[in-house]
Each structure stands twice: as C-alpha cells, then as structure tokens.
Protein backbone atom coordinates (compact mmCIF):
# COMPACT_ATOMS: atom_id res chain seq x y z
CA MET A 1 135.20 30.80 144.87
CA PHE A 2 135.02 27.38 143.38
CA LEU A 3 132.74 28.66 140.60
CA LEU A 4 135.22 31.36 139.77
CA ILE A 5 138.10 28.79 139.65
CA LEU A 6 135.95 26.46 137.44
CA LEU A 7 135.15 29.18 134.87
CA LYS A 8 138.94 30.40 134.86
CA LEU A 9 139.79 26.84 134.07
CA THR A 10 137.28 26.32 131.60
CA PHE A 11 137.94 29.54 129.64
CA PRO A 12 141.78 30.07 130.38
CA VAL A 13 142.26 32.77 127.56
CA PHE A 14 139.59 34.92 129.09
CA GLN A 15 139.47 36.67 132.24
CA LEU A 16 136.32 37.23 134.71
CA VAL A 17 135.81 40.88 134.99
CA PRO A 18 135.78 41.89 138.85
CA PRO A 19 133.82 45.06 139.75
CA SER A 20 135.79 48.36 140.47
CA THR A 21 136.55 49.07 144.10
CA GLU A 22 135.77 52.80 143.49
CA SER A 23 132.67 51.99 141.70
CA PRO A 24 131.22 48.63 142.10
CA MET A 25 128.50 49.16 139.44
CA PHE A 26 131.39 49.45 136.72
CA LEU A 27 133.32 46.64 135.43
CA LEU A 28 137.23 46.81 134.93
CA VAL A 29 139.01 44.37 132.47
CA LEU A 30 142.33 43.85 133.87
CA PRO A 31 145.44 42.48 131.96
CA SER A 32 145.33 38.88 132.16
CA PRO A 33 148.72 36.70 132.52
CA GLU A 34 147.18 34.05 130.07
CA SER A 35 146.26 36.90 127.53
CA PRO A 36 148.12 40.08 127.86
CA ALA A 37 146.02 41.62 125.19
CA PHE A 38 143.27 42.56 127.51
CA LEU A 39 143.18 46.11 128.52
CA LEU A 40 142.19 48.01 131.64
CA VAL A 41 138.62 49.35 130.91
CA PRO A 42 137.48 52.33 133.07
CA PRO A 43 133.86 53.57 132.84
CA SER A 44 133.04 56.16 130.40
CA THR A 45 133.20 59.87 131.63
CA GLU A 46 130.43 60.68 129.24
CA SER A 47 128.25 57.73 130.28
CA PRO A 48 129.48 56.35 133.49
CA ILE A 49 127.06 53.27 133.21
CA PHE A 50 128.88 52.13 130.18
CA LEU A 51 132.56 50.83 129.26
CA LEU A 52 134.91 51.72 126.73
CA VAL A 53 137.05 49.01 125.40
CA LEU A 54 139.93 50.13 123.02
CA PRO A 55 141.98 47.81 120.84
CA SER A 56 145.18 46.56 122.36
CA PRO A 57 148.55 47.43 120.71
CA GLU A 58 149.42 43.57 121.27
CA SER A 59 146.13 42.42 119.66
CA PRO A 60 144.68 44.68 117.11
CA ALA A 61 141.83 42.32 116.54
CA PHE A 62 140.17 43.41 119.73
CA LEU A 63 137.26 45.64 119.20
CA LEU A 64 135.89 49.02 120.58
CA VAL A 65 132.77 48.50 123.02
CA LEU A 66 130.75 51.70 122.87
CA PRO A 67 127.37 52.56 124.39
CA ASN A 68 124.48 52.32 121.94
CA PRO A 69 122.84 55.82 121.46
CA GLU A 70 119.61 54.27 120.52
CA THR A 71 119.22 51.97 123.60
CA PRO A 72 121.60 53.27 126.35
CA MET A 73 121.05 50.26 128.46
CA PHE A 74 122.79 48.09 125.99
CA LEU A 75 126.13 47.99 124.45
CA LEU A 76 127.38 47.60 120.88
CA VAL A 77 130.60 45.99 119.76
CA LEU A 78 131.48 47.49 116.52
CA PRO A 79 133.52 45.73 113.96
CA SER A 80 137.34 46.20 114.13
CA PRO A 81 138.85 47.49 110.93
CA GLU A 82 141.83 45.24 111.55
CA SER A 83 139.64 42.19 111.99
CA PRO A 84 136.52 42.33 110.25
CA GLU A 85 135.27 38.79 111.03
CA PHE A 86 133.97 40.21 114.41
CA ALA A 87 130.70 41.96 114.33
CA LEU A 88 127.96 43.29 116.62
CA ILE A 89 126.88 42.37 119.98
CA LEU A 90 123.17 43.04 119.95
CA PRO A 91 120.77 43.32 123.01
CA ASN A 92 118.90 40.20 124.15
CA PRO A 93 115.25 41.06 123.91
CA GLU A 94 114.22 38.13 126.34
CA SER A 95 116.62 39.80 128.91
CA PRO A 96 117.46 43.48 128.66
CA ILE A 97 120.39 43.21 131.21
CA PHE A 98 122.33 40.67 129.17
CA LEU A 99 123.77 40.67 125.85
CA VAL A 100 123.86 37.99 123.16
CA VAL A 101 125.72 37.40 119.90
CA PRO A 102 123.75 35.69 117.17
CA PRO A 103 125.53 33.71 114.68
CA SER A 104 125.85 35.03 111.18
CA PRO A 105 127.38 33.62 107.99
CA GLU A 106 128.91 36.93 107.30
CA PHE A 107 130.69 37.09 110.52
CA PRO A 108 131.39 33.61 111.81
CA ALA A 109 133.84 34.53 114.44
CA PHE A 110 131.24 35.86 117.08
CA LEU A 111 131.75 35.95 120.61
CA LEU A 112 129.20 34.67 123.22
CA VAL A 113 128.51 37.24 125.98
CA LEU A 114 127.09 35.30 128.95
CA PRO A 115 125.93 36.59 132.32
CA HIS A 116 127.81 35.59 135.25
CA PRO A 117 125.73 32.80 137.09
CA GLY A 118 126.54 34.42 140.57
CA THR A 119 125.61 38.00 139.70
CA PRO A 120 123.86 40.01 136.85
CA VAL A 121 126.47 42.63 137.29
CA PHE A 122 129.22 40.39 135.75
CA LEU A 123 129.62 39.45 132.12
CA LEU A 124 131.63 36.55 130.84
CA ILE A 125 132.96 36.29 127.36
CA GLN A 126 133.25 33.08 125.89
CA PRO A 127 134.38 31.99 122.44
CA ASN A 128 131.70 30.50 120.10
CA PRO A 129 132.28 26.85 119.87
CA GLU A 130 130.85 26.83 116.44
CA SER A 131 133.47 29.37 115.27
CA PRO A 132 136.55 27.91 113.74
CA VAL A 133 138.28 31.18 113.34
CA PHE A 134 137.96 32.06 116.96
CA GLN A 135 138.97 28.65 118.01
CA LEU A 136 142.20 29.08 116.06
CA VAL A 137 142.79 32.41 117.89
CA CYS A 138 142.23 30.81 121.34
CA SER A 139 144.39 28.11 120.28
CA ALA A 140 147.22 30.28 119.26
CA LEU A 141 146.88 32.38 122.57
CA ASN A 142 146.89 29.30 124.74
CA LEU A 143 149.97 28.08 122.86
CA LEU A 144 151.88 31.33 123.21
CA CYS A 145 150.87 31.34 127.01
CA PHE A 146 152.29 27.85 127.31
CA LEU A 147 155.44 28.67 125.80
CA PHE A 148 156.04 32.00 127.50
C-alpha cells in the first residue's frame, strides 16, 4: 500500500492500473480525478489478452493501443493523428513481458512504460523526463487539476 501511495504521489497525473475484478489478467484504466482524460479500458473481445485504448474526447492527444499482429504478446501504440509527437511503443527484447519506448529525435514526446515493481501484471506509464513536450502537458494537467 505504501508503494502505491508513493507511486501516486510521484506521478500524480497518471493512474496506476488495477486489475479487473471479473478478469484479473486484464487491466482497466479508470477515470482519474487528477486526469479525467483517462478512459475505461475493457479487454478486447477479439483478443482478450490485449487492451484497446481509445482517444478521449477531453484529450484527443491520447492514443490507440492495439495488439501487435506480428507479435501477439506485445502491444503497439500508434501515433495519434491529432498529436503526432507521440509514437510507437516497442517490445523490450530483454524482457518480453514488458514494453519500453526508446527516445527518438522525430518523436521527442515519448512515454516510458515501466513494469510495476510489485507484480509483472501491472504497467505504470510515466512521462519521459527528457521530453519537454510531455513535461509541458503534465504541467498543464497538474495546473488544471489544482485549479479545479
């Protein structure tokens, strides 16, 4: 519990993804009070191991998360037409369970997807500290949450 609180305080814009009670192997992204742009993410019916993240009307910069047809154990994050500064999340060759996002000069606003320290089922999304674009987004969201 202390670790969850620490992670929440460290990354207030993002929300830790709890498992679904109906299907513990799946993850649900629930609406966050700090960031209402987060959406509910049910498991995909076509591929129940994977998730589908749809863009939020409140924040069209969020991306689609689709299963990678070439490597079904991995997920790809496709660039958003509304926000092309985001790019692909690629599988980590050293750890096939987790995903990493390498920096790119073409897409500086990458996200880092880190495994949850307590369990490999969880994933934590944290902003790339080297990304000034994403830092700006996080600062704006934090300011809005503080004001409202």
